Amino acid sequence: MNAGTVSTEPKQTSGKVRRPGDRAFSGLATAAGITILVVLAGVAAFLISEAWPAITAPVSDLPDGKALTHYIWPLVFGTVLSSAIAIVIAVPMAIAVALFTSHLAPKGLAASVSYLVDLLAAIPSIIYGIWGIAVLGPASVPVTDWLADHFGFIPLFAGPASTTGRTMLVAGLVLALMILPIICAVAREVFQQTPKGLQESALALGATRWEMIRMVVLPFGRSAVAAGSMLGLGRALGETMAVTIILSVSGAVTFNLISSENPSTIAANIALQFPESSGLDVNVLIATGLVLFAITLAVNMTARAIISRREAASGR
């Protein structure tokens, strides 16, 4: 190139130029993330500050003169027990429905079933509670009587069976129906993302449709099922109205699922006791809410960790 010649080649920039829209979107997304963290920290600070008087109060001033741990423990037990029943019932059902809609059913039928399952998430929890106490509870009485007569030697069905159906088993069944759409939606979306090449390779090697699902689809979606289960568990742990309506609460700590003596849950106990509480009793209820907050936060953090590990393993 001559000295007097002006170069027409574009100048090379050191970095990619970001458009104003990209910068605005990035700023809004960052602000939203920070806001969520601030709100979460604010909720935690409020719960700790309001629960502190109950934590530091003398035992004689607490409800029934019991230590705070003795008051909270039965509620934690009932919360975990009802949520565990829901998870045990909902996860296999959600996996089956997700596989049916993603790999087995005709396209039109799969779309209809997916829509109906997702519609379950739109039903208010109080409707589930009314359905549980008015329909499912009475319908479960013959079943619980049979379980008590034939499997009474198992602590879960020791009986005597409730004559009203207001049992922990019914509460767990209703919770399972409530969290089913959450787990099913997560599992279905991931099952549909299973690489077609892997599925076709398994079929080409002579695998049946079920063998292909068992060896390719299920391993691919294992972490998604676990994460969806954790999200559903978080919903079950915090459910209030349905459990409040269904359970016949006695405060007992028992694994008996079919009797009329049931432990309460943290959320249901707060809903029942808060309107009539005052002074230190309110602080005690907030302390139980702090425990529920910690449990739910741990469950959701576990779900996030599972998803992140899956993304790291797949290189995304």
C-alpha atoms as a PDB file:
ATOM      1  CA  MET A   1       0.000   0.000   0.000  1.00  0.00           C
ATOM      2  CA  ASN A   2       1.402   3.447  -0.970  1.00  0.00           C
ATOM      3  CA  ALA A   3       1.963   6.089   1.635  1.00  0.00           C
ATOM      4  CA  GLY A   4      -0.688   8.400   0.163  1.00  0.00           C
ATOM      5  CA  THR A   5      -3.356   5.719  -0.140  1.00  0.00           C
ATOM      6  CA  VAL A   6      -6.208   5.778   2.350  1.00  0.00           C
ATOM      7  CA  SER A   7      -7.199   2.352   3.633  1.00  0.00           C
ATOM      8  CA  THR A   8     -10.855   1.381   3.142  1.00  0.00           C
ATOM      9  CA  GLU A   9     -10.702  -1.713   5.361  1.00  0.00           C
ATOM     10  CA  PRO A  10     -12.990  -1.572   8.455  1.00  0.00           C
ATOM     11  CA  LYS A  11     -11.241  -0.992  11.713  1.00  0.00           C
ATOM     12  CA  GLN A  12     -11.106  -3.981  14.037  1.00  0.00           C
ATOM     13  CA  THR A  13     -12.772  -3.342  17.370  1.00  0.00           C
ATOM     14  CA  SER A  14     -11.399  -4.848  20.513  1.00  0.00           C
ATOM     15  CA  GLY A  15     -14.808  -6.055  21.730  1.00  0.00           C
ATOM     16  CA  LYS A  16     -18.356  -6.586  20.607  1.00  0.00           C
ATOM     17  CA  VAL A  17     -20.425  -3.412  20.539  1.00  0.00           C
ATOM     18  CA  ARG A  18     -23.554  -3.736  22.688  1.00  0.00           C
ATOM     19  CA  ARG A  19     -26.684  -2.032  21.480  1.00  0.00           C
ATOM     20  CA  PRO A  20     -28.671   0.202  23.872  1.00  0.00           C
ATOM     21  CA  GLY A  21     -31.493  -2.341  24.014  1.00  0.00           C
ATOM     22  CA  ASP A  22     -29.088  -5.074  25.118  1.00  0.00           C
ATOM     23  CA  ARG A  23     -27.641  -2.859  27.829  1.00  0.00           C
ATOM     24  CA  ALA A  24     -31.108  -1.904  29.068  1.00  0.00           C
ATOM     25  CA  PHE A  25     -32.265  -5.513  29.160  1.00  0.00           C
ATOM     26  CA  SER A  26     -29.115  -6.605  30.982  1.00  0.00           C
ATOM     27  CA  GLY A  27     -29.566  -3.855  33.536  1.00  0.00           C
ATOM     28  CA  LEU A  28     -33.226  -4.718  34.133  1.00  0.00           C
ATOM     29  CA  ALA A  29     -32.425  -8.411  34.515  1.00  0.00           C
ATOM     30  CA  THR A  30     -29.648  -7.625  36.993  1.00  0.00           C
ATOM     31  CA  ALA A  31     -31.922  -5.289  38.945  1.00  0.00           C
ATOM     32  CA  ALA A  32     -34.643  -7.950  39.085  1.00  0.00           C
ATOM     33  CA  GLY A  33     -32.190 -10.533  40.421  1.00  0.00           C
ATOM     34  CA  ILE A  34     -30.882  -8.149  43.074  1.00  0.00           C
ATOM     35  CA  THR A  35     -34.451  -7.222  44.056  1.00  0.00           C
ATOM     36  CA  ILE A  36     -35.311 -10.857  44.646  1.00  0.00           C
ATOM     37  CA  LEU A  37     -32.267 -11.271  46.885  1.00  0.00           C
ATOM     38  CA  VAL A  38     -33.141  -8.107  48.810  1.00  0.00           C
ATOM     39  CA  VAL A  39     -36.753  -9.245  49.317  1.00  0.00           C
ATOM     40  CA  LEU A  40     -35.600 -12.688  50.441  1.00  0.00           C
ATOM     41  CA  ALA A  41     -33.150 -11.156  52.891  1.00  0.00           C
ATOM     42  CA  GLY A  42     -35.887  -8.820  54.127  1.00  0.00           C
ATOM     43  CA  VAL A  43     -38.274 -11.699  54.762  1.00  0.00           C
ATOM     44  CA  ALA A  44     -35.568 -13.609  56.622  1.00  0.00           C
ATOM     45  CA  ALA A  45     -34.679 -10.560  58.721  1.00  0.00           C
ATOM     46  CA  PHE A  46     -38.341  -9.954  59.582  1.00  0.00           C
ATOM     47  CA  LEU A  47     -38.897 -13.561  60.641  1.00  0.00           C
ATOM     48  CA  ILE A  48     -35.752 -13.626  62.758  1.00  0.00           C
ATOM     49  CA  SER A  49     -36.518 -10.311  64.480  1.00  0.00           C
ATOM     50  CA  GLU A  50     -40.136 -11.257  65.222  1.00  0.00           C
ATOM     51  CA  ALA A  51     -39.245 -14.783  66.329  1.00  0.00           C
ATOM     52  CA  TRP A  52     -36.416 -13.668  68.597  1.00  0.00           C
ATOM     53  CA  PRO A  53     -38.643 -12.841  71.613  1.00  0.00           C
ATOM     54  CA  ALA A  54     -40.026 -16.388  71.490  1.00  0.00           C
ATOM     55  CA  ILE A  55     -36.558 -17.871  71.118  1.00  0.00           C
ATOM     56  CA  THR A  56     -35.223 -15.989  74.151  1.00  0.00           C
ATOM     57  CA  ALA A  57     -38.383 -16.167  76.309  1.00  0.00           C
ATOM     58  CA  PRO A  58     -38.486 -18.282  79.482  1.00  0.00           C
ATOM     59  CA  VAL A  59     -40.097 -21.681  79.052  1.00  0.00           C
ATOM     60  CA  SER A  60     -42.817 -20.794  81.537  1.00  0.00           C
ATOM     61  CA  ASP A  61     -44.054 -18.004  79.245  1.00  0.00           C
ATOM     62  CA  LEU A  62     -44.374 -20.213  76.168  1.00  0.00           C
ATOM     63  CA  PRO A  63     -47.609 -22.042  75.191  1.00  0.00           C
ATOM     64  CA  ASP A  64     -48.425 -24.900  77.611  1.00  0.00           C
ATOM     65  CA  GLY A  65     -45.183 -24.174  79.470  1.00  0.00           C
ATOM     66  CA  LYS A  66     -43.208 -26.232  76.943  1.00  0.00           C
ATOM     67  CA  ALA A  67     -39.865 -25.448  75.365  1.00  0.00           C
ATOM     68  CA  LEU A  68     -40.026 -23.937  71.905  1.00  0.00           C
ATOM     69  CA  THR A  69     -38.497 -27.045  70.352  1.00  0.00           C
ATOM     70  CA  HIS A  70     -41.192 -29.211  71.958  1.00  0.00           C
ATOM     71  CA  TYR A  71     -43.851 -26.961  70.444  1.00  0.00           C
ATOM     72  CA  ILE A  72     -42.324 -26.876  66.960  1.00  0.00           C
ATOM     73  CA  TRP A  73     -41.248 -30.518  66.682  1.00  0.00           C
ATOM     74  CA  PRO A  74     -44.728 -32.063  66.227  1.00  0.00           C
ATOM     75  CA  LEU A  75     -45.520 -29.427  63.597  1.00  0.00           C
ATOM     76  CA  VAL A  76     -42.313 -30.158  61.696  1.00  0.00           C
ATOM     77  CA  PHE A  77     -43.094 -33.870  61.903  1.00  0.00           C
ATOM     78  CA  GLY A  78     -46.595 -33.382  60.489  1.00  0.00           C
ATOM     79  CA  THR A  79     -45.312 -31.096  57.749  1.00  0.00           C
ATOM     80  CA  VAL A  80     -42.624 -33.535  56.635  1.00  0.00           C
ATOM     81  CA  LEU A  81     -44.922 -36.578  56.916  1.00  0.00           C
ATOM     82  CA  SER A  82     -47.729 -35.120  54.787  1.00  0.00           C
ATOM     83  CA  SER A  83     -45.244 -33.857  52.192  1.00  0.00           C
ATOM     84  CA  ALA A  84     -43.457 -37.223  52.084  1.00  0.00           C
ATOM     85  CA  ILE A  85     -46.747 -39.020  51.403  1.00  0.00           C
ATOM     86  CA  ALA A  86     -47.473 -36.549  48.609  1.00  0.00           C
ATOM     87  CA  ILE A  87     -44.056 -37.046  47.006  1.00  0.00           C
ATOM     88  CA  VAL A  88     -44.209 -40.850  47.194  1.00  0.00           C
ATOM     89  CA  ILE A  89     -47.584 -40.836  45.421  1.00  0.00           C
ATOM     90  CA  ALA A  90     -47.070 -37.938  42.994  1.00  0.00           C
ATOM     91  CA  VAL A  91     -43.617 -38.680  41.563  1.00  0.00           C
ATOM     92  CA  PRO A  92     -44.340 -42.098  39.965  1.00  0.00           C
ATOM     93  CA  MET A  93     -47.683 -40.819  38.664  1.00  0.00           C
ATOM     94  CA  ALA A  94     -46.072 -37.676  37.230  1.00  0.00           C
ATOM     95  CA  ILE A  95     -43.338 -39.682  35.499  1.00  0.00           C
ATOM     96  CA  ALA A  96     -45.939 -42.023  33.982  1.00  0.00           C
ATOM     97  CA  VAL A  97     -48.080 -39.144  32.715  1.00  0.00           C
ATOM     98  CA  ALA A  98     -45.024 -37.295  31.361  1.00  0.00           C
ATOM     99  CA  LEU A  99     -43.836 -40.372  29.451  1.00  0.00           C
ATOM    100  CA  PHE A 100     -47.342 -41.001  28.108  1.00  0.00           C
ATOM    101  CA  THR A 101     -47.709 -37.469  26.775  1.00  0.00           C
ATOM    102  CA  SER A 102     -44.161 -37.174  25.438  1.00  0.00           C
ATOM    103  CA  HIS A 103     -43.498 -40.591  23.876  1.00  0.00           C
ATOM    104  CA  LEU A 104     -46.507 -42.891  23.877  1.00  0.00           C
ATOM    105  CA  ALA A 105     -49.757 -41.057  23.185  1.00  0.00           C
ATOM    106  CA  PRO A 106     -50.862 -39.766  19.763  1.00  0.00           C
ATOM    107  CA  LYS A 107     -50.146 -36.070  19.305  1.00  0.00           C
ATOM    108  CA  GLY A 108     -53.749 -34.899  19.712  1.00  0.00           C
ATOM    109  CA  LEU A 109     -54.408 -37.016  22.786  1.00  0.00           C
ATOM    110  CA  ALA A 110     -51.072 -36.003  24.322  1.00  0.00           C
ATOM    111  CA  ALA A 111     -51.924 -32.311  23.923  1.00  0.00           C
ATOM    112  CA  SER A 112     -55.338 -32.805  25.542  1.00  0.00           C
ATOM    113  CA  VAL A 113     -53.954 -34.774  28.491  1.00  0.00           C
ATOM    114  CA  SER A 114     -51.147 -32.235  29.013  1.00  0.00           C
ATOM    115  CA  TYR A 115     -53.682 -29.407  29.032  1.00  0.00           C
ATOM    116  CA  LEU A 116     -55.899 -31.146  31.566  1.00  0.00           C
ATOM    117  CA  VAL A 117     -52.973 -31.992  33.851  1.00  0.00           C
ATOM    118  CA  ASP A 118     -51.678 -28.422  33.704  1.00  0.00           C
ATOM    119  CA  LEU A 119     -55.200 -27.209  34.484  1.00  0.00           C
ATOM    120  CA  LEU A 120     -54.975 -28.925  37.884  1.00  0.00           C
ATOM    121  CA  ALA A 121     -52.467 -26.263  38.929  1.00  0.00           C
ATOM    122  CA  ALA A 122     -55.089 -23.541  38.421  1.00  0.00           C
ATOM    123  CA  ILE A 123     -57.560 -24.990  40.940  1.00  0.00           C
ATOM    124  CA  PRO A 124     -57.482 -23.050  44.251  1.00  0.00           C
ATOM    125  CA  SER A 125     -56.201 -25.003  47.230  1.00  0.00           C
ATOM    126  CA  ILE A 126     -59.388 -24.383  49.200  1.00  0.00           C
ATOM    127  CA  ILE A 127     -61.325 -26.249  46.488  1.00  0.00           C
ATOM    128  CA  TYR A 128     -58.974 -29.189  46.902  1.00  0.00           C
ATOM    129  CA  GLY A 129     -59.605 -29.078  50.636  1.00  0.00           C
ATOM    130  CA  ILE A 130     -63.382 -29.049  50.239  1.00  0.00           C
ATOM    131  CA  TRP A 131     -63.194 -31.905  47.730  1.00  0.00           C
ATOM    132  CA  GLY A 132     -60.945 -33.845  50.094  1.00  0.00           C
ATOM    133  CA  ILE A 133     -63.232 -33.551  53.103  1.00  0.00           C
ATOM    134  CA  ALA A 134     -66.534 -33.936  51.219  1.00  0.00           C
ATOM    135  CA  VAL A 135     -65.657 -36.574  48.603  1.00  0.00           C
ATOM    136  CA  LEU A 136     -62.289 -38.258  49.032  1.00  0.00           C
ATOM    137  CA  GLY A 137     -62.464 -38.515  52.826  1.00  0.00           C
ATOM    138  CA  PRO A 138     -65.789 -40.391  53.036  1.00  0.00           C
ATOM    139  CA  ALA A 139     -64.822 -42.531  50.041  1.00  0.00           C
ATOM    140  CA  SER A 140     -61.606 -43.568  51.816  1.00  0.00           C
ATOM    141  CA  VAL A 141     -63.351 -44.899  54.946  1.00  0.00           C
ATOM    142  CA  PRO A 142     -63.997 -48.446  53.594  1.00  0.00           C
ATOM    143  CA  VAL A 143     -60.395 -48.601  52.353  1.00  0.00           C
ATOM    144  CA  THR A 144     -58.922 -47.483  55.672  1.00  0.00           C
ATOM    145  CA  ASP A 145     -61.150 -49.939  57.541  1.00  0.00           C
ATOM    146  CA  TRP A 146     -59.826 -52.743  55.329  1.00  0.00           C
ATOM    147  CA  LEU A 147     -56.236 -51.584  55.862  1.00  0.00           C
ATOM    148  CA  ALA A 148     -56.727 -51.524  59.636  1.00  0.00           C
ATOM    149  CA  ASP A 149     -58.244 -55.017  59.628  1.00  0.00           C
ATOM    150  CA  HIS A 150     -55.646 -56.669  57.374  1.00  0.00           C
ATOM    151  CA  PHE A 151     -52.483 -54.598  57.870  1.00  0.00           C
ATOM    152  CA  GLY A 152     -52.955 -53.261  61.377  1.00  0.00           C
ATOM    153  CA  PHE A 153     -49.638 -54.788  62.423  1.00  0.00           C
ATOM    154  CA  ILE A 154     -47.907 -52.138  60.285  1.00  0.00           C
ATOM    155  CA  PRO A 155     -47.545 -48.851  62.219  1.00  0.00           C
ATOM    156  CA  LEU A 156     -48.775 -46.859  59.212  1.00  0.00           C
ATOM    157  CA  PHE A 157     -52.158 -48.610  59.339  1.00  0.00           C
ATOM    158  CA  ALA A 158     -52.435 -49.430  63.050  1.00  0.00           C
ATOM    159  CA  GLY A 159     -55.853 -47.787  63.368  1.00  0.00           C
ATOM    160  CA  PRO A 160     -58.438 -47.498  64.668  1.00  0.00           C
ATOM    161  CA  ALA A 161     -59.530 -46.120  61.327  1.00  0.00           C
ATOM    162  CA  SER A 162     -61.216 -42.735  61.292  1.00  0.00           C
ATOM    163  CA  THR A 163     -64.957 -42.788  60.620  1.00  0.00           C
ATOM    164  CA  THR A 164     -64.859 -39.403  58.879  1.00  0.00           C
ATOM    165  CA  GLY A 165     -61.887 -39.833  56.544  1.00  0.00           C
ATOM    166  CA  ARG A 166     -60.111 -36.793  57.982  1.00  0.00           C
ATOM    167  CA  THR A 167     -56.742 -38.524  58.081  1.00  0.00           C
ATOM    168  CA  MET A 168     -53.130 -37.862  57.192  1.00  0.00           C
ATOM    169  CA  LEU A 169     -53.460 -40.328  54.309  1.00  0.00           C
ATOM    170  CA  VAL A 170     -56.240 -38.275  52.702  1.00  0.00           C
ATOM    171  CA  ALA A 171     -54.267 -35.061  53.252  1.00  0.00           C
ATOM    172  CA  GLY A 172     -51.260 -36.656  51.536  1.00  0.00           C
ATOM    173  CA  LEU A 173     -53.382 -37.797  48.602  1.00  0.00           C
ATOM    174  CA  VAL A 174     -54.792 -34.307  48.110  1.00  0.00           C
ATOM    175  CA  LEU A 175     -51.302 -32.782  48.324  1.00  0.00           C
ATOM    176  CA  ALA A 176     -50.098 -35.318  45.755  1.00  0.00           C
ATOM    177  CA  LEU A 177     -52.803 -34.204  43.341  1.00  0.00           C
ATOM    178  CA  MET A 178     -51.858 -30.576  43.917  1.00  0.00           C
ATOM    179  CA  ILE A 179     -48.143 -31.002  43.177  1.00  0.00           C
ATOM    180  CA  LEU A 180     -48.639 -33.450  40.299  1.00  0.00           C
ATOM    181  CA  PRO A 181     -48.800 -30.706  37.599  1.00  0.00           C
ATOM    182  CA  ILE A 182     -45.511 -29.165  38.759  1.00  0.00           C
ATOM    183  CA  ILE A 183     -43.526 -32.399  38.600  1.00  0.00           C
ATOM    184  CA  CYS A 184     -45.250 -33.554  35.409  1.00  0.00           C
ATOM    185  CA  ALA A 185     -44.584 -30.294  33.557  1.00  0.00           C
ATOM    186  CA  VAL A 186     -40.854 -30.315  34.362  1.00  0.00           C
ATOM    187  CA  ALA A 187     -40.449 -34.006  33.507  1.00  0.00           C
ATOM    188  CA  ARG A 188     -42.457 -33.737  30.279  1.00  0.00           C
ATOM    189  CA  GLU A 189     -40.434 -30.812  28.923  1.00  0.00           C
ATOM    190  CA  VAL A 190     -37.120 -32.576  29.564  1.00  0.00           C
ATOM    191  CA  PHE A 191     -38.311 -35.941  28.228  1.00  0.00           C
ATOM    192  CA  GLN A 192     -39.278 -34.174  24.988  1.00  0.00           C
ATOM    193  CA  GLN A 193     -35.737 -32.772  24.716  1.00  0.00           C
ATOM    194  CA  THR A 194     -34.123 -36.222  24.680  1.00  0.00           C
ATOM    195  CA  PRO A 195     -31.920 -36.241  21.538  1.00  0.00           C
ATOM    196  CA  LYS A 196     -33.674 -37.982  18.661  1.00  0.00           C
ATOM    197  CA  GLY A 197     -30.383 -39.521  17.594  1.00  0.00           C
ATOM    198  CA  LEU A 198     -30.024 -41.407  20.858  1.00  0.00           C
ATOM    199  CA  GLN A 199     -33.606 -42.664  20.698  1.00  0.00           C
ATOM    200  CA  GLU A 200     -33.300 -43.791  17.067  1.00  0.00           C
ATOM    201  CA  SER A 201     -29.961 -45.464  17.773  1.00  0.00           C
ATOM    202  CA  ALA A 202     -31.471 -47.512  20.589  1.00  0.00           C
ATOM    203  CA  LEU A 203     -34.396 -48.570  18.373  1.00  0.00           C
ATOM    204  CA  ALA A 204     -32.033 -49.399  15.508  1.00  0.00           C
ATOM    205  CA  LEU A 205     -30.070 -51.701  17.806  1.00  0.00           C
ATOM    206  CA  GLY A 206     -33.228 -53.709  18.454  1.00  0.00           C
ATOM    207  CA  ALA A 207     -34.538 -52.105  21.625  1.00  0.00           C
ATOM    208  CA  THR A 208     -38.282 -52.024  22.141  1.00  0.00           C
ATOM    209  CA  ARG A 209     -40.087 -48.760  22.807  1.00  0.00           C
ATOM    210  CA  TRP A 210     -40.070 -49.409  26.556  1.00  0.00           C
ATOM    211  CA  GLU A 211     -36.391 -50.423  26.548  1.00  0.00           C
ATOM    212  CA  MET A 212     -35.534 -47.226  24.683  1.00  0.00           C
ATOM    213  CA  ILE A 213     -37.428 -45.184  27.278  1.00  0.00           C
ATOM    214  CA  ARG A 214     -35.781 -47.049  30.159  1.00  0.00           C
ATOM    215  CA  MET A 215     -32.224 -46.826  28.796  1.00  0.00           C
ATOM    216  CA  VAL A 216     -32.288 -43.413  27.063  1.00  0.00           C
ATOM    217  CA  VAL A 217     -35.186 -41.165  28.073  1.00  0.00           C
ATOM    218  CA  LEU A 218     -35.295 -41.828  31.805  1.00  0.00           C
ATOM    219  CA  PRO A 219     -31.522 -41.442  32.371  1.00  0.00           C
ATOM    220  CA  PHE A 220     -31.566 -38.219  30.317  1.00  0.00           C
ATOM    221  CA  GLY A 221     -34.364 -36.746  32.435  1.00  0.00           C
ATOM    222  CA  ARG A 222     -33.321 -38.118  35.828  1.00  0.00           C
ATOM    223  CA  SER A 223     -32.048 -34.816  37.215  1.00  0.00           C
ATOM    224  CA  ALA A 224     -35.085 -32.957  35.883  1.00  0.00           C
ATOM    225  CA  VAL A 225     -37.398 -35.381  37.663  1.00  0.00           C
ATOM    226  CA  ALA A 226     -35.430 -34.863  40.868  1.00  0.00           C
ATOM    227  CA  ALA A 227     -35.550 -31.078  40.493  1.00  0.00           C
ATOM    228  CA  GLY A 228     -39.271 -31.121  39.712  1.00  0.00           C
ATOM    229  CA  SER A 229     -39.857 -33.318  42.740  1.00  0.00           C
ATOM    230  CA  MET A 230     -38.029 -30.825  44.938  1.00  0.00           C
ATOM    231  CA  LEU A 231     -40.142 -27.979  43.564  1.00  0.00           C
ATOM    232  CA  GLY A 232     -43.295 -29.988  44.210  1.00  0.00           C
ATOM    233  CA  LEU A 233     -42.055 -30.778  47.702  1.00  0.00           C
ATOM    234  CA  GLY A 234     -41.597 -27.080  48.348  1.00  0.00           C
ATOM    235  CA  ARG A 235     -45.237 -26.511  47.363  1.00  0.00           C
ATOM    236  CA  ALA A 236     -46.439 -29.347  49.594  1.00  0.00           C
ATOM    237  CA  LEU A 237     -44.460 -28.114  52.596  1.00  0.00           C
ATOM    238  CA  GLY A 238     -46.105 -24.702  52.488  1.00  0.00           C
ATOM    239  CA  GLU A 239     -49.665 -25.746  51.673  1.00  0.00           C
ATOM    240  CA  THR A 240     -52.143 -24.294  54.152  1.00  0.00           C
ATOM    241  CA  MET A 241     -55.847 -24.316  53.374  1.00  0.00           C
ATOM    242  CA  ALA A 242     -56.268 -27.838  52.001  1.00  0.00           C
ATOM    243  CA  VAL A 243     -54.461 -29.404  54.964  1.00  0.00           C
ATOM    244  CA  THR A 244     -56.268 -27.139  57.437  1.00  0.00           C
ATOM    245  CA  ILE A 245     -59.669 -28.213  56.125  1.00  0.00           C
ATOM    246  CA  ILE A 246     -58.930 -31.935  55.893  1.00  0.00           C
ATOM    247  CA  LEU A 247     -56.922 -32.861  58.979  1.00  0.00           C
ATOM    248  CA  SER A 248     -58.465 -33.715  62.315  1.00  0.00           C
ATOM    249  CA  VAL A 249     -55.653 -32.351  64.454  1.00  0.00           C
ATOM    250  CA  SER A 250     -54.765 -33.734  67.862  1.00  0.00           C
ATOM    251  CA  GLY A 251     -51.099 -32.708  68.120  1.00  0.00           C
ATOM    252  CA  ALA A 252     -49.923 -36.321  68.355  1.00  0.00           C
ATOM    253  CA  VAL A 253     -46.638 -37.439  66.849  1.00  0.00           C
ATOM    254  CA  THR A 254     -47.562 -40.685  65.138  1.00  0.00           C
ATOM    255  CA  PHE A 255     -46.931 -42.535  61.899  1.00  0.00           C
ATOM    256  CA  ASN A 256     -50.499 -43.849  61.923  1.00  0.00           C
ATOM    257  CA  LEU A 257     -51.952 -42.545  58.661  1.00  0.00           C
ATOM    258  CA  ILE A 258     -55.572 -43.669  59.027  1.00  0.00           C
ATOM    259  CA  SER A 259     -56.584 -42.659  62.550  1.00  0.00           C
ATOM    260  CA  SER A 260     -58.369 -39.507  63.657  1.00  0.00           C
ATOM    261  CA  GLU A 261     -55.357 -38.426  65.749  1.00  0.00           C
ATOM    262  CA  ASN A 262     -53.093 -36.502  63.423  1.00  0.00           C
ATOM    263  CA  PRO A 263     -50.183 -34.122  63.854  1.00  0.00           C
ATOM    264  CA  SER A 264     -50.737 -30.664  62.415  1.00  0.00           C
ATOM    265  CA  THR A 265     -48.471 -28.932  59.918  1.00  0.00           C
ATOM    266  CA  ILE A 266     -46.680 -25.635  60.443  1.00  0.00           C
ATOM    267  CA  ALA A 267     -48.700 -23.732  57.837  1.00  0.00           C
ATOM    268  CA  ALA A 268     -52.044 -25.152  59.004  1.00  0.00           C
ATOM    269  CA  ASN A 269     -51.244 -24.404  62.658  1.00  0.00           C
ATOM    270  CA  ILE A 270     -50.403 -20.775  61.835  1.00  0.00           C
ATOM    271  CA  ALA A 271     -53.648 -20.394  59.884  1.00  0.00           C
ATOM    272  CA  LEU A 272     -55.695 -21.812  62.761  1.00  0.00           C
ATOM    273  CA  GLN A 273     -53.974 -20.086  65.687  1.00  0.00           C
ATOM    274  CA  PHE A 274     -52.921 -16.681  64.347  1.00  0.00           C
ATOM    275  CA  PRO A 275     -56.338 -14.900  64.391  1.00  0.00           C
ATOM    276  CA  GLU A 276     -56.781 -15.515  68.140  1.00  0.00           C
ATOM    277  CA  SER A 277     -53.148 -15.047  69.195  1.00  0.00           C
ATOM    278  CA  SER A 278     -51.529 -12.008  70.746  1.00  0.00           C
ATOM    279  CA  GLY A 279     -48.278 -11.017  72.394  1.00  0.00           C
ATOM    280  CA  LEU A 280     -45.736 -13.778  72.764  1.00  0.00           C
ATOM    281  CA  ASP A 281     -48.036 -16.320  71.117  1.00  0.00           C
ATOM    282  CA  VAL A 282     -47.681 -14.414  67.852  1.00  0.00           C
ATOM    283  CA  ASN A 283     -43.883 -14.533  68.182  1.00  0.00           C
ATOM    284  CA  VAL A 284     -44.083 -18.293  68.729  1.00  0.00           C
ATOM    285  CA  LEU A 285     -46.106 -18.732  65.554  1.00  0.00           C
ATOM    286  CA  ILE A 286     -43.641 -16.586  63.626  1.00  0.00           C
ATOM    287  CA  ALA A 287     -40.837 -18.763  64.992  1.00  0.00           C
ATOM    288  CA  THR A 288     -42.562 -21.794  63.498  1.00  0.00           C
ATOM    289  CA  GLY A 289     -42.848 -19.839  60.249  1.00  0.00           C
ATOM    290  CA  LEU A 290     -39.107 -19.221  60.387  1.00  0.00           C
ATOM    291  CA  VAL A 291     -38.517 -22.963  60.605  1.00  0.00           C
ATOM    292  CA  LEU A 292     -40.819 -23.548  57.632  1.00  0.00           C
ATOM    293  CA  PHE A 293     -39.011 -20.803  55.711  1.00  0.00           C
ATOM    294  CA  ALA A 294     -35.672 -22.502  56.362  1.00  0.00           C
ATOM    295  CA  ILE A 295     -36.983 -25.925  55.317  1.00  0.00           C
ATOM    296  CA  THR A 296     -38.548 -24.601  52.106  1.00  0.00           C
ATOM    297  CA  LEU A 297     -35.444 -22.577  51.256  1.00  0.00           C
ATOM    298  CA  ALA A 298     -33.249 -25.652  51.713  1.00  0.00           C
ATOM    299  CA  VAL A 299     -35.518 -27.714  49.461  1.00  0.00           C
ATOM    300  CA  ASN A 300     -35.491 -25.125  46.675  1.00  0.00           C
ATOM    301  CA  MET A 301     -31.729 -24.627  46.935  1.00  0.00           C
ATOM    302  CA  THR A 302     -31.346 -28.385  46.560  1.00  0.00           C
ATOM    303  CA  ALA A 303     -33.485 -28.292  43.420  1.00  0.00           C
ATOM    304  CA  ARG A 304     -31.390 -25.461  41.990  1.00  0.00           C
ATOM    305  CA  ALA A 305     -28.182 -27.349  42.738  1.00  0.00           C
ATOM    306  CA  ILE A 306     -29.494 -30.450  40.948  1.00  0.00           C
ATOM    307  CA  ILE A 307     -30.412 -28.410  37.854  1.00  0.00           C
ATOM    308  CA  SER A 308     -27.037 -26.654  37.840  1.00  0.00           C
ATOM    309  CA  ARG A 309     -25.171 -29.939  38.108  1.00  0.00           C
ATOM    310  CA  ARG A 310     -27.174 -31.309  35.181  1.00  0.00           C
ATOM    311  CA  GLU A 311     -26.397 -28.232  33.073  1.00  0.00           C
ATOM    312  CA  ALA A 312     -22.705 -28.524  33.911  1.00  0.00           C
ATOM    313  CA  ALA A 313     -22.655 -32.226  33.014  1.00  0.00           C
ATOM    314  CA  SER A 314     -24.365 -31.603  29.662  1.00  0.00           C
ATOM    315  CA  GLY A 315     -22.061 -28.705  28.829  1.00  0.00           C
ATOM    316  CA  ARG A 316     -24.850 -26.131  28.514  1.00  0.00           C
END
